[in-house]
Amino acid sequence: MMTAAFLLLAFVPHLQKMATPFLIIYGLSFFFTDFGPNATTFVYPSEVFPVRVRTTGHGIAAAMGKLGGFAGVFIFPYLLQWKGLLGAESAAAIASAIGVIVTLTMLPETKGKSLEAI
């Protein structure tokens, strides 16, 4: 959903000048940012790391999430100045799509398993 919202923000002409549609699409992207990557960064690590290193693994996952957030906030204005809204939002859409691919292909499913079994 984040990828779709970012693509809409990138490719719909003059969307940033239409307050209501822009706010709805931006709001959806923000909601799914908290719903998707936030859950992967904060909930998932508490399930997948062995008990003896769970807090360390959770801390590293949280730190990487913060580092990714910093990088995005730092790079976005440069992309916006260099390639405009199209470039900046397209980069956000690409990053979101990569996140989906990594999550679906590299992270083990934990549903129905005990913490010890995972």
PDB file of N, CA and C in Angstrom:
ATOM      1  N   MET A   1       0.829  -1.203   0.000  1.00  0.00           N
ATOM      2  CA  MET A   1       0.000   0.000   0.000  1.00  0.00           C
ATOM      3  C   MET A   1       0.867   1.258   0.000  1.00  0.00           C
ATOM      4  N   MET A   2       1.992   1.185   0.725  1.00  0.00           N
ATOM      5  CA  MET A   2       2.904   2.335   0.703  1.00  0.00           C
ATOM      6  C   MET A   2       3.418   2.574  -0.698  1.00  0.00           C
ATOM      7  N   THR A   3       3.805   1.509  -1.380  1.00  0.00           N
ATOM      8  CA  THR A   3       4.314   1.641  -2.745  1.00  0.00           C
ATOM      9  C   THR A   3       3.267   2.281  -3.642  1.00  0.00           C
ATOM     10  N   ALA A   4       2.030   1.817  -3.543  1.00  0.00           N
ATOM     11  CA  ALA A   4       0.953   2.382  -4.365  1.00  0.00           C
ATOM     12  C   ALA A   4       0.721   3.854  -4.042  1.00  0.00           C
ATOM     13  N   ALA A   5       0.723   4.193  -2.751  1.00  0.00           N
ATOM     14  CA  ALA A   5       0.507   5.594  -2.361  1.00  0.00           C
ATOM     15  C   ALA A   5       1.643   6.475  -2.865  1.00  0.00           C
ATOM     16  N   PHE A   6       2.871   6.003  -2.731  1.00  0.00           N
ATOM     17  CA  PHE A   6       4.004   6.809  -3.200  1.00  0.00           C
ATOM     18  C   PHE A   6       3.988   6.956  -4.719  1.00  0.00           C
ATOM     19  N   LEU A   7       3.583   5.910  -5.430  1.00  0.00           N
ATOM     20  CA  LEU A   7       3.482   6.011  -6.890  1.00  0.00           C
ATOM     21  C   LEU A   7       2.398   7.010  -7.293  1.00  0.00           C
ATOM     22  N   LEU A   8       1.279   7.002  -6.579  1.00  0.00           N
ATOM     23  CA  LEU A   8       0.242   7.999  -6.862  1.00  0.00           C
ATOM     24  C   LEU A   8       0.763   9.411  -6.624  1.00  0.00           C
ATOM     25  N   LEU A   9       1.480   9.594  -5.508  1.00  0.00           N
ATOM     26  CA  LEU A   9       2.037  10.915  -5.228  1.00  0.00           C
ATOM     27  C   LEU A   9       3.045  11.332  -6.296  1.00  0.00           C
ATOM     28  N   ALA A  10       3.750  10.355  -6.863  1.00  0.00           N
ATOM     29  CA  ALA A  10       4.762  10.664  -7.877  1.00  0.00           C
ATOM     30  C   ALA A  10       4.158  10.939  -9.245  1.00  0.00           C
ATOM     31  N   PHE A  11       3.171  10.160  -9.649  1.00  0.00           N
ATOM     32  CA  PHE A  11       2.749  10.189 -11.043  1.00  0.00           C
ATOM     33  C   PHE A  11       1.431  10.907 -11.338  1.00  0.00           C
ATOM     34  N   VAL A  12       0.652  11.246 -10.323  1.00  0.00           N
ATOM     35  CA  VAL A  12      -0.576  11.999 -10.585  1.00  0.00           C
ATOM     36  C   VAL A  12      -0.191  13.468 -10.729  1.00  0.00           C
ATOM     37  N   PRO A  13      -0.424  14.055 -11.893  1.00  0.00           N
ATOM     38  CA  PRO A  13       0.025  15.430 -12.137  1.00  0.00           C
ATOM     39  C   PRO A  13      -0.648  16.426 -11.180  1.00  0.00           C
ATOM     40  N   HIS A  14       0.149  17.293 -10.629  1.00  0.00           N
ATOM     41  CA  HIS A  14      -0.307  18.407  -9.782  1.00  0.00           C
ATOM     42  C   HIS A  14      -1.087  17.948  -8.552  1.00  0.00           C
ATOM     43  N   LEU A  15      -0.861  16.726  -8.103  1.00  0.00           N
ATOM     44  CA  LEU A  15      -1.575  16.225  -6.929  1.00  0.00           C
ATOM     45  C   LEU A  15      -1.251  17.044  -5.689  1.00  0.00           C
ATOM     46  N   GLN A  16      -0.009  17.504  -5.575  1.00  0.00           N
ATOM     47  CA  GLN A  16       0.380  18.289  -4.403  1.00  0.00           C
ATOM     48  C   GLN A  16      -0.359  19.621  -4.319  1.00  0.00           C
ATOM     49  N   LYS A  17      -0.991  20.038  -5.400  1.00  0.00           N
ATOM     50  CA  LYS A  17      -1.752  21.290  -5.398  1.00  0.00           C
ATOM     51  C   LYS A  17      -3.231  21.076  -5.073  1.00  0.00           C
ATOM     52  N   MET A  18      -3.659  19.807  -4.998  1.00  0.00           N
ATOM     53  CA  MET A  18      -5.043  19.475  -4.653  1.00  0.00           C
ATOM     54  C   MET A  18      -5.043  18.974  -3.205  1.00  0.00           C
ATOM     55  N   ALA A  19      -5.466  19.825  -2.290  1.00  0.00           N
ATOM     56  CA  ALA A  19      -5.302  19.558  -0.861  1.00  0.00           C
ATOM     57  C   ALA A  19      -5.966  18.259  -0.404  1.00  0.00           C
ATOM     58  N   THR A  20      -7.225  18.067  -0.689  1.00  0.00           N
ATOM     59  CA  THR A  20      -7.942  16.906  -0.150  1.00  0.00           C
ATOM     60  C   THR A  20      -7.406  15.582  -0.694  1.00  0.00           C
ATOM     61  N   PRO A  21      -7.280  15.403  -2.012  1.00  0.00           N
ATOM     62  CA  PRO A  21      -6.731  14.121  -2.496  1.00  0.00           C
ATOM     63  C   PRO A  21      -5.293  13.886  -2.006  1.00  0.00           C
ATOM     64  N   PHE A  22      -4.493  14.945  -1.969  1.00  0.00           N
ATOM     65  CA  PHE A  22      -3.115  14.800  -1.502  1.00  0.00           C
ATOM     66  C   PHE A  22      -3.092  14.338  -0.048  1.00  0.00           C
ATOM     67  N   LEU A  23      -3.888  14.967   0.799  1.00  0.00           N
ATOM     68  CA  LEU A  23      -3.909  14.602   2.220  1.00  0.00           C
ATOM     69  C   LEU A  23      -4.423  13.183   2.432  1.00  0.00           C
ATOM     70  N   ILE A  24      -5.405  12.770   1.640  1.00  0.00           N
ATOM     71  CA  ILE A  24      -5.911  11.395   1.766  1.00  0.00           C
ATOM     72  C   ILE A  24      -4.834  10.387   1.387  1.00  0.00           C
ATOM     73  N   ILE A  25      -4.177  10.603   0.256  1.00  0.00           N
ATOM     74  CA  ILE A  25      -3.139   9.662  -0.189  1.00  0.00           C
ATOM     75  C   ILE A  25      -1.940   9.704   0.753  1.00  0.00           C
ATOM     76  N   TYR A  26      -1.533  10.882   1.169  1.00  0.00           N
ATOM     77  CA  TYR A  26      -0.420  10.988   2.124  1.00  0.00           C
ATOM     78  C   TYR A  26      -0.793  10.319   3.442  1.00  0.00           C
ATOM     79  N   GLY A  27      -2.026  10.535   3.894  1.00  0.00           N
ATOM     80  CA  GLY A  27      -2.472   9.903   5.136  1.00  0.00           C
ATOM     81  C   GLY A  27      -2.445   8.388   5.047  1.00  0.00           C
ATOM     82  N   LEU A  28      -2.872   7.843   3.904  1.00  0.00           N
ATOM     83  CA  LEU A  28      -2.799   6.396   3.704  1.00  0.00           C
ATOM     84  C   LEU A  28      -1.360   5.894   3.721  1.00  0.00           C
ATOM     85  N   SER A  29      -0.463   6.639   3.072  1.00  0.00           N
ATOM     86  CA  SER A  29       0.944   6.221   3.073  1.00  0.00           C
ATOM     87  C   SER A  29       1.502   6.251   4.489  1.00  0.00           C
ATOM     88  N   PHE A  30       1.139   7.247   5.265  1.00  0.00           N
ATOM     89  CA  PHE A  30       1.620   7.355   6.642  1.00  0.00           C
ATOM     90  C   PHE A  30       1.041   6.232   7.502  1.00  0.00           C
ATOM     91  N   PHE A  31      -0.251   5.943   7.329  1.00  0.00           N
ATOM     92  CA  PHE A  31      -0.872   4.852   8.084  1.00  0.00           C
ATOM     93  C   PHE A  31      -0.170   3.535   7.801  1.00  0.00           C
ATOM     94  N   PHE A  32       0.066   3.235   6.530  1.00  0.00           N
ATOM     95  CA  PHE A  32       0.684   1.961   6.187  1.00  0.00           C
ATOM     96  C   PHE A  32       2.178   1.940   6.513  1.00  0.00           C
ATOM     97  N   THR A  33       2.803   3.092   6.664  1.00  0.00           N
ATOM     98  CA  THR A  33       4.173   3.123   7.158  1.00  0.00           C
ATOM     99  C   THR A  33       4.210   2.594   8.590  1.00  0.00           C
ATOM    100  N   ASP A  34       3.264   3.030   9.401  1.00  0.00           N
ATOM    101  CA  ASP A  34       3.198   2.552  10.782  1.00  0.00           C
ATOM    102  C   ASP A  34       2.709   1.113  10.850  1.00  0.00           C
ATOM    103  N   PHE A  35       1.814   0.733   9.973  1.00  0.00           N
ATOM    104  CA  PHE A  35       1.212  -0.594   9.977  1.00  0.00           C
ATOM    105  C   PHE A  35       2.175  -1.665   9.463  1.00  0.00           C
ATOM    106  N   GLY A  36       3.012  -1.358   8.490  1.00  0.00           N
ATOM    107  CA  GLY A  36       3.877  -2.351   7.861  1.00  0.00           C
ATOM    108  C   GLY A  36       5.280  -2.392   8.433  1.00  0.00           C
ATOM    109  N   PRO A  37       6.159  -1.485   8.000  1.00  0.00           N
ATOM    110  CA  PRO A  37       7.547  -1.530   8.461  1.00  0.00           C
ATOM    111  C   PRO A  37       7.682  -1.379   9.975  1.00  0.00           C
ATOM    112  N   ASN A  38       6.797  -0.628  10.572  1.00  0.00           N
ATOM    113  CA  ASN A  38       6.867  -0.448  12.018  1.00  0.00           C
ATOM    114  C   ASN A  38       6.664  -1.786  12.725  1.00  0.00           C
ATOM    115  N   ALA A  39       5.704  -2.563  12.271  1.00  0.00           N
ATOM    116  CA  ALA A  39       5.468  -3.879  12.862  1.00  0.00           C
ATOM    117  C   ALA A  39       6.650  -4.803  12.603  1.00  0.00           C
ATOM    118  N   THR A  40       7.201  -4.742  11.400  1.00  0.00           N
ATOM    119  CA  THR A  40       8.347  -5.591  11.069  1.00  0.00           C
ATOM    120  C   THR A  40       9.557  -5.230  11.920  1.00  0.00           C
ATOM    121  N   THR A  41       9.731  -3.960  12.215  1.00  0.00           N
ATOM    122  CA  THR A  41      10.891  -3.517  12.983  1.00  0.00           C
ATOM    123  C   THR A  41      10.735  -3.758  14.479  1.00  0.00           C
ATOM    124  N   PHE A  42       9.515  -3.640  15.013  1.00  0.00           N
ATOM    125  CA  PHE A  42       9.357  -3.693  16.463  1.00  0.00           C
ATOM    126  C   PHE A  42       8.682  -4.956  16.992  1.00  0.00           C
ATOM    127  N   VAL A  43       7.787  -5.561  16.253  1.00  0.00           N
ATOM    128  CA  VAL A  43       7.091  -6.747  16.744  1.00  0.00           C
ATOM    129  C   VAL A  43       7.815  -8.022  16.308  1.00  0.00           C
ATOM    130  N   TYR A  44       8.152  -8.097  15.076  1.00  0.00           N
ATOM    131  CA  TYR A  44       8.754  -9.304  14.508  1.00  0.00           C
ATOM    132  C   TYR A  44      10.052  -9.728  15.204  1.00  0.00           C
ATOM    133  N   PRO A  45      10.992  -8.807  15.507  1.00  0.00           N
ATOM    134  CA  PRO A  45      12.236  -9.235  16.159  1.00  0.00           C
ATOM    135  C   PRO A  45      12.015  -9.933  17.501  1.00  0.00           C
ATOM    136  N   SER A  46      10.967  -9.544  18.221  1.00  0.00           N
ATOM    137  CA  SER A  46      10.724 -10.196  19.508  1.00  0.00           C
ATOM    138  C   SER A  46      10.282 -11.641  19.330  1.00  0.00           C
ATOM    139  N   GLU A  47       9.926 -12.039  18.132  1.00  0.00           N
ATOM    140  CA  GLU A  47       9.518 -13.420  17.855  1.00  0.00           C
ATOM    141  C   GLU A  47      10.631 -14.270  17.245  1.00  0.00           C
ATOM    142  N   VAL A  48      11.503 -13.683  16.458  1.00  0.00           N
ATOM    143  CA  VAL A  48      12.423 -14.508  15.674  1.00  0.00           C
ATOM    144  C   VAL A  48      13.783 -14.747  16.324  1.00  0.00           C
ATOM    145  N   PHE A  49      14.203 -13.907  17.232  1.00  0.00           N
ATOM    146  CA  PHE A  49      15.515 -14.106  17.847  1.00  0.00           C
ATOM    147  C   PHE A  49      15.412 -15.088  19.003  1.00  0.00           C
ATOM    148  N   PRO A  50      16.432 -15.938  19.179  1.00  0.00           N
ATOM    149  CA  PRO A  50      16.429 -16.853  20.326  1.00  0.00           C
ATOM    150  C   PRO A  50      16.361 -16.068  21.642  1.00  0.00           C
ATOM    151  N   VAL A  51      15.799 -16.695  22.670  1.00  0.00           N
ATOM    152  CA  VAL A  51      15.576 -16.015  23.939  1.00  0.00           C
ATOM    153  C   VAL A  51      16.865 -15.405  24.491  1.00  0.00           C
ATOM    154  N   ARG A  52      17.976 -16.089  24.405  1.00  0.00           N
ATOM    155  CA  ARG A  52      19.222 -15.612  25.018  1.00  0.00           C
ATOM    156  C   ARG A  52      19.763 -14.334  24.357  1.00  0.00           C
ATOM    157  N   VAL A  53      19.370 -14.061  23.105  1.00  0.00           N
ATOM    158  CA  VAL A  53      19.843 -12.846  22.428  1.00  0.00           C
ATOM    159  C   VAL A  53      18.686 -11.970  21.947  1.00  0.00           C
ATOM    160  N   ARG A  54      17.495 -12.232  22.452  1.00  0.00           N
ATOM    161  CA  ARG A  54      16.310 -11.536  21.947  1.00  0.00           C
ATOM    162  C   ARG A  54      16.415 -10.025  22.149  1.00  0.00           C
ATOM    163  N   THR A  55      16.834  -9.574  23.313  1.00  0.00           N
ATOM    164  CA  THR A  55      16.905  -8.126  23.555  1.00  0.00           C
ATOM    165  C   THR A  55      17.960  -7.473  22.678  1.00  0.00           C
ATOM    166  N   THR A  56      19.079  -8.143  22.464  1.00  0.00           N
ATOM    167  CA  THR A  56      20.121  -7.601  21.592  1.00  0.00           C
ATOM    168  C   THR A  56      19.617  -7.526  20.147  1.00  0.00           C
ATOM    169  N   GLY A  57      19.001  -8.597  19.694  1.00  0.00           N
ATOM    170  CA  GLY A  57      18.451  -8.601  18.338  1.00  0.00           C
ATOM    171  C   GLY A  57      17.381  -7.543  18.159  1.00  0.00           C
ATOM    172  N   HIS A  58      16.542  -7.376  19.168  1.00  0.00           N
ATOM    173  CA  HIS A  58      15.486  -6.368  19.101  1.00  0.00           C
ATOM    174  C   HIS A  58      16.100  -4.973  19.051  1.00  0.00           C
ATOM    175  N   GLY A  59      17.145  -4.756  19.838  1.00  0.00           N
ATOM    176  CA  GLY A  59      17.827  -3.455  19.829  1.00  0.00           C
ATOM    177  C   GLY A  59      18.481  -3.151  18.490  1.00  0.00           C
ATOM    178  N   ILE A  60      19.104  -4.146  17.900  1.00  0.00           N
ATOM    179  CA  ILE A  60      19.734  -3.960  16.591  1.00  0.00           C
ATOM    180  C   ILE A  60      18.674  -3.669  15.527  1.00  0.00           C
ATOM    181  N   ALA A  61      17.554  -4.403  15.570  1.00  0.00           N
ATOM    182  CA  ALA A  61      16.474  -4.160  14.610  1.00  0.00           C
ATOM    183  C   ALA A  61      15.921  -2.746  14.762  1.00  0.00           C
ATOM    184  N   ALA A  62      15.735  -2.307  16.008  1.00  0.00           N
ATOM    185  CA  ALA A  62      15.226  -0.950  16.246  1.00  0.00           C
ATOM    186  C   ALA A  62      16.227   0.094  15.749  1.00  0.00           C
ATOM    187  N   ALA A  63      17.496  -0.148  15.990  1.00  0.00           N
ATOM    188  CA  ALA A  63      18.530   0.791  15.542  1.00  0.00           C
ATOM    189  C   ALA A  63      18.571   0.886  14.016  1.00  0.00           C
ATOM    190  N   MET A  64      18.428  -0.247  13.344  1.00  0.00           N
ATOM    191  CA  MET A  64      18.432  -0.237  11.879  1.00  0.00           C
ATOM    192  C   MET A  64      17.213   0.499  11.341  1.00  0.00           C
ATOM    193  N   GLY A  65      16.082   0.336  12.020  1.00  0.00           N
ATOM    194  CA  GLY A  65      14.887   1.081  11.622  1.00  0.00           C
ATOM    195  C   GLY A  65      15.089   2.580  11.757  1.00  0.00           C
ATOM    196  N   LYS A  66      15.720   2.989  12.846  1.00  0.00           N
ATOM    197  CA  LYS A  66      16.010   4.417  13.052  1.00  0.00           C
ATOM    198  C   LYS A  66      17.020   4.917  12.022  1.00  0.00           C
ATOM    199  N   LEU A  67      18.010   4.107  11.713  1.00  0.00           N
ATOM    200  CA  LEU A  67      19.008   4.486  10.713  1.00  0.00           C
ATOM    201  C   LEU A  67      18.360   4.646   9.339  1.00  0.00           C
ATOM    202  N   GLY A  68      17.464   3.721   8.985  1.00  0.00           N
ATOM    203  CA  GLY A  68      16.744   3.838   7.717  1.00  0.00           C
ATOM    204  C   GLY A  68      15.862   5.072   7.672  1.00  0.00           C
ATOM    205  N   GLY A  69      15.202   5.378   8.792  1.00  0.00           N
ATOM    206  CA  GLY A  69      14.383   6.589   8.866  1.00  0.00           C
ATOM    207  C   GLY A  69      15.227   7.839   8.703  1.00  0.00           C
ATOM    208  N   PHE A  70      16.395   7.860   9.342  1.00  0.00           N
ATOM    209  CA  PHE A  70      17.300   8.996   9.210  1.00  0.00           C
ATOM    210  C   PHE A  70      17.756   9.159   7.772  1.00  0.00           C
ATOM    211  N   ALA A  71      18.143   8.046   7.145  1.00  0.00           N
ATOM    212  CA  ALA A  71      18.630   8.117   5.764  1.00  0.00           C
ATOM    213  C   ALA A  71      17.544   8.644   4.834  1.00  0.00           C
ATOM    214  N   GLY A  72      16.317   8.166   5.018  1.00  0.00           N
ATOM    215  CA  GLY A  72      15.224   8.629   4.170  1.00  0.00           C
ATOM    216  C   GLY A  72      14.943  10.108   4.332  1.00  0.00           C
ATOM    217  N   VAL A  73      14.904  10.563   5.566  1.00  0.00           N
ATOM    218  CA  VAL A  73      14.636  11.989   5.830  1.00  0.00           C
ATOM    219  C   VAL A  73      15.796  12.858   5.345  1.00  0.00           C
ATOM    220  N   PHE A  74      17.010  12.343   5.407  1.00  0.00           N
ATOM    221  CA  PHE A  74      18.175  13.089   4.962  1.00  0.00           C
ATOM    222  C   PHE A  74      18.251  13.169   3.441  1.00  0.00           C
ATOM    223  N   ILE A  75      17.947  12.076   2.759  1.00  0.00           N
ATOM    224  CA  ILE A  75      18.090  11.997   1.306  1.00  0.00           C
ATOM    225  C   ILE A  75      16.906  12.629   0.564  1.00  0.00           C
ATOM    226  N   PHE A  76      15.706  12.543   1.136  1.00  0.00           N
ATOM    227  CA  PHE A  76      14.499  13.014   0.454  1.00  0.00           C
ATOM    228  C   PHE A  76      14.604  14.458  -0.059  1.00  0.00           C
ATOM    229  N   PRO A  77      15.067  15.430   0.745  1.00  0.00           N
ATOM    230  CA  PRO A  77      15.147  16.807   0.222  1.00  0.00           C
ATOM    231  C   PRO A  77      16.098  16.947  -0.972  1.00  0.00           C
ATOM    232  N   TYR A  78      17.191  16.183  -0.965  1.00  0.00           N
ATOM    233  CA  TYR A  78      18.118  16.236  -2.093  1.00  0.00           C
ATOM    234  C   TYR A  78      17.472  15.666  -3.354  1.00  0.00           C
ATOM    235  N   LEU A  79      16.753  14.546  -3.200  1.00  0.00           N
ATOM    236  CA  LEU A  79      16.033  13.984  -4.349  1.00  0.00           C
ATOM    237  C   LEU A  79      14.962  14.954  -4.846  1.00  0.00           C
ATOM    238  N   LEU A  80      14.283  15.606  -3.915  1.00  0.00           N
ATOM    239  CA  LEU A  80      13.235  16.556  -4.276  1.00  0.00           C
ATOM    240  C   LEU A  80      13.807  17.732  -5.064  1.00  0.00           C
ATOM    241  N   GLN A  81      14.961  18.221  -4.626  1.00  0.00           N
ATOM    242  CA  GLN A  81      15.599  19.345  -5.321  1.00  0.00           C
ATOM    243  C   GLN A  81      16.170  18.900  -6.665  1.00  0.00           C
ATOM    244  N   TRP A  82      16.715  17.693  -6.719  1.00  0.00           N
ATOM    245  CA  TRP A  82      17.381  17.209  -7.920  1.00  0.00           C
ATOM    246  C   TRP A  82      16.387  16.777  -8.995  1.00  0.00           C
ATOM    247  N   LYS A  83      15.398  15.962  -8.635  1.00  0.00           N
ATOM    248  CA  LYS A  83      14.475  15.387  -9.614  1.00  0.00           C
ATOM    249  C   LYS A  83      13.013  15.758  -9.374  1.00  0.00           C
ATOM    250  N   GLY A  84      12.743  16.615  -8.395  1.00  0.00           N
ATOM    251  CA  GLY A  84      11.371  17.027  -8.123  1.00  0.00           C
ATOM    252  C   GLY A  84      10.588  15.954  -7.383  1.00  0.00           C
ATOM    253  N   LEU A  85       9.292  16.190  -7.265  1.00  0.00           N
ATOM    254  CA  LEU A  85       8.430  15.264  -6.538  1.00  0.00           C
ATOM    255  C   LEU A  85       8.396  13.890  -7.197  1.00  0.00           C
ATOM    256  N   LEU A  86       8.455  13.856  -8.514  1.00  0.00           N
ATOM    257  CA  LEU A  86       8.460  12.582  -9.230  1.00  0.00           C
ATOM    258  C   LEU A  86       9.635  11.707  -8.788  1.00  0.00           C
ATOM    259  N   GLY A  87      10.829  12.269  -8.754  1.00  0.00           N
ATOM    260  CA  GLY A  87      12.009  11.506  -8.363  1.00  0.00           C
ATOM    261  C   GLY A  87      11.998  11.087  -6.907  1.00  0.00           C
ATOM    262  N   ALA A  88      11.609  12.011  -6.034  1.00  0.00           N
ATOM    263  CA  ALA A  88      11.620  11.721  -4.605  1.00  0.00           C
ATOM    264  C   ALA A  88      10.582  10.660  -4.248  1.00  0.00           C
ATOM    265  N   GLU A  89       9.370  10.801  -4.742  1.00  0.00           N
ATOM    266  CA  GLU A  89       8.318   9.832  -4.433  1.00  0.00           C
ATOM    267  C   GLU A  89       8.552   8.506  -5.145  1.00  0.00           C
ATOM    268  N   SER A  90       9.156   8.539  -6.328  1.00  0.00           N
ATOM    269  CA  SER A  90       9.500   7.289  -7.015  1.00  0.00           C
ATOM    270  C   SER A  90      10.541   6.514  -6.218  1.00  0.00           C
ATOM    271  N   ALA A  91      11.518   7.221  -5.668  1.00  0.00           N
ATOM    272  CA  ALA A  91      12.527   6.564  -4.828  1.00  0.00           C
ATOM    273  C   ALA A  91      11.876   5.950  -3.590  1.00  0.00           C
ATOM    274  N   ALA A  92      10.925   6.661  -2.990  1.00  0.00           N
ATOM    275  CA  ALA A  92      10.206   6.117  -1.833  1.00  0.00           C
ATOM    276  C   ALA A  92       9.408   4.880  -2.231  1.00  0.00           C
ATOM    277  N   ALA A  93       8.792   4.898  -3.403  1.00  0.00           N
ATOM    278  CA  ALA A  93       8.036   3.738  -3.887  1.00  0.00           C
ATOM    279  C   ALA A  93       8.962   2.547  -4.135  1.00  0.00           C
ATOM    280  N   ILE A  94      10.115   2.797  -4.704  1.00  0.00           N
ATOM    281  CA  ILE A  94      11.082   1.721  -4.961  1.00  0.00           C
ATOM    282  C   ILE A  94      11.561   1.123  -3.642  1.00  0.00           C
ATOM    283  N   ALA A  95      11.881   1.971  -2.666  1.00  0.00           N
ATOM    284  CA  ALA A  95      12.317   1.483  -1.360  1.00  0.00           C
ATOM    285  C   ALA A  95      11.218   0.650  -0.699  1.00  0.00           C
ATOM    286  N   SER A  96       9.973   1.080  -0.836  1.00  0.00           N
ATOM    287  CA  SER A  96       8.855   0.328  -0.267  1.00  0.00           C
ATOM    288  C   SER A  96       8.693  -1.021  -0.959  1.00  0.00           C
ATOM    289  N   ALA A  97       8.820  -1.040  -2.266  1.00  0.00           N
ATOM    290  CA  ALA A  97       8.705  -2.293  -3.015  1.00  0.00           C
ATOM    291  C   ALA A  97       9.828  -3.264  -2.636  1.00  0.00           C
ATOM    292  N   ILE A  98      11.030  -2.749  -2.461  1.00  0.00           N
ATOM    293  CA  ILE A  98      12.147  -3.598  -2.026  1.00  0.00           C
ATOM    294  C   ILE A  98      11.856  -4.163  -0.641  1.00  0.00           C
ATOM    295  N   GLY A  99      11.284  -3.334   0.234  1.00  0.00           N
ATOM    296  CA  GLY A  99      10.922  -3.798   1.577  1.00  0.00           C
ATOM    297  C   GLY A  99       9.917  -4.938   1.541  1.00  0.00           C
ATOM    298  N   VAL A 100       8.940  -4.848   0.649  1.00  0.00           N
ATOM    299  CA  VAL A 100       7.950  -5.929   0.509  1.00  0.00           C
ATOM    300  C   VAL A 100       8.626  -7.201   0.034  1.00  0.00           C
ATOM    301  N   ILE A 101       9.483  -7.084  -0.957  1.00  0.00           N
ATOM    302  CA  ILE A 101      10.163  -8.263  -1.517  1.00  0.00           C
ATOM    303  C   ILE A 101      11.045  -8.925  -0.455  1.00  0.00           C
ATOM    304  N   VAL A 102      11.812  -8.123   0.269  1.00  0.00           N
ATOM    305  CA  VAL A 102      12.680  -8.668   1.317  1.00  0.00           C
ATOM    306  C   VAL A 102      11.847  -9.344   2.404  1.00  0.00           C
ATOM    307  N   THR A 103      10.774  -8.689   2.826  1.00  0.00           N
ATOM    308  CA  THR A 103       9.927  -9.250   3.881  1.00  0.00           C
ATOM    309  C   THR A 103       9.316 -10.575   3.452  1.00  0.00           C
ATOM    310  N   LEU A 104       8.798 -10.642   2.243  1.00  0.00           N
ATOM    311  CA  LEU A 104       8.126 -11.858   1.797  1.00  0.00           C
ATOM    312  C   LEU A 104       9.073 -13.007   1.478  1.00  0.00           C
ATOM    313  N   THR A 105      10.294 -12.695   1.070  1.00  0.00           N
ATOM    314  CA  THR A 105      11.203 -13.760   0.634  1.00  0.00           C
ATOM    315  C   THR A 105      12.253 -14.146   1.666  1.00  0.00           C
ATOM    316  N   MET A 106      12.571 -13.272   2.604  1.00  0.00           N
ATOM    317  CA  MET A 106      13.688 -13.555   3.501  1.00  0.00           C
ATOM    318  C   MET A 106      13.310 -13.769   4.962  1.00  0.00           C
ATOM    319  N   LEU A 107      12.120 -13.368   5.367  1.00  0.00           N
ATOM    320  CA  LEU A 107      11.748 -13.491   6.774  1.00  0.00           C
ATOM    321  C   LEU A 107      10.892 -14.728   6.993  1.00  0.00           C
ATOM    322  N   PRO A 108      11.240 -15.554   7.982  1.00  0.00           N
ATOM    323  CA  PRO A 108      10.470 -16.774   8.210  1.00  0.00           C
ATOM    324  C   PRO A 108       9.081 -16.468   8.787  1.00  0.00           C
ATOM    325  N   GLU A 109       8.120 -17.302   8.459  1.00  0.00           N
ATOM    326  CA  GLU A 109       6.760 -17.174   8.993  1.00  0.00           C
ATOM    327  C   GLU A 109       6.740 -17.670  10.436  1.00  0.00           C
ATOM    328  N   THR A 110       6.134 -16.910  11.327  1.00  0.00           N
ATOM    329  CA  THR A 110       6.102 -17.267  12.744  1.00  0.00           C
ATOM    330  C   THR A 110       4.715 -17.684  13.221  1.00  0.00           C
ATOM    331  N   LYS A 111       3.733 -17.593  12.360  1.00  0.00           N
ATOM    332  CA  LYS A 111       2.360 -17.874  12.760  1.00  0.00           C
ATOM    333  C   LYS A 111       2.182 -19.326  13.185  1.00  0.00           C
ATOM    334  N   GLY A 112       1.577 -19.503  14.363  1.00  0.00           N
ATOM    335  CA  GLY A 112       1.275 -20.853  14.850  1.00  0.00           C
ATOM    336  C   GLY A 112       2.443 -21.569  15.476  1.00  0.00           C
ATOM    337  N   LYS A 113       3.583 -20.915  15.642  1.00  0.00           N
ATOM    338  CA  LYS A 113       4.754 -21.559  16.227  1.00  0.00           C
ATOM    339  C   LYS A 113       5.024 -20.958  17.607  1.00  0.00           C
ATOM    340  N   SER A 114       5.551 -21.753  18.490  1.00  0.00           N
ATOM    341  CA  SER A 114       5.921 -21.226  19.803  1.00  0.00           C
ATOM    342  C   SER A 114       7.213 -20.427  19.683  1.00  0.00           C
ATOM    343  N   LEU A 115       7.453 -19.551  20.637  1.00  0.00           N
ATOM    344  CA  LEU A 115       8.679 -18.736  20.606  1.00  0.00           C
ATOM    345  C   LEU A 115       9.921 -19.615  20.664  1.00  0.00           C
ATOM    346  N   GLU A 116       9.862 -20.710  21.371  1.00  0.00           N
ATOM    347  CA  GLU A 116      11.005 -21.615  21.472  1.00  0.00           C
ATOM    348  C   GLU A 116      11.284 -22.322  20.135  1.00  0.00           C
ATOM    349  N   ALA A 117      10.210 -22.653  19.408  1.00  0.00           N
ATOM    350  CA  ALA A 117      10.357 -23.345  18.123  1.00  0.00           C
ATOM    351  C   ALA A 117      10.920 -22.422  17.045  1.00  0.00           C
ATOM    352  N   ILE A 118      10.595 -21.153  17.141  1.00  0.00           N
ATOM    353  CA  ILE A 118      11.054 -20.195  16.134  1.00  0.00           C
ATOM    354  C   ILE A 118      12.541 -19.982  16.300  1.00  0.00           C
TER     355      ILE A 118
END
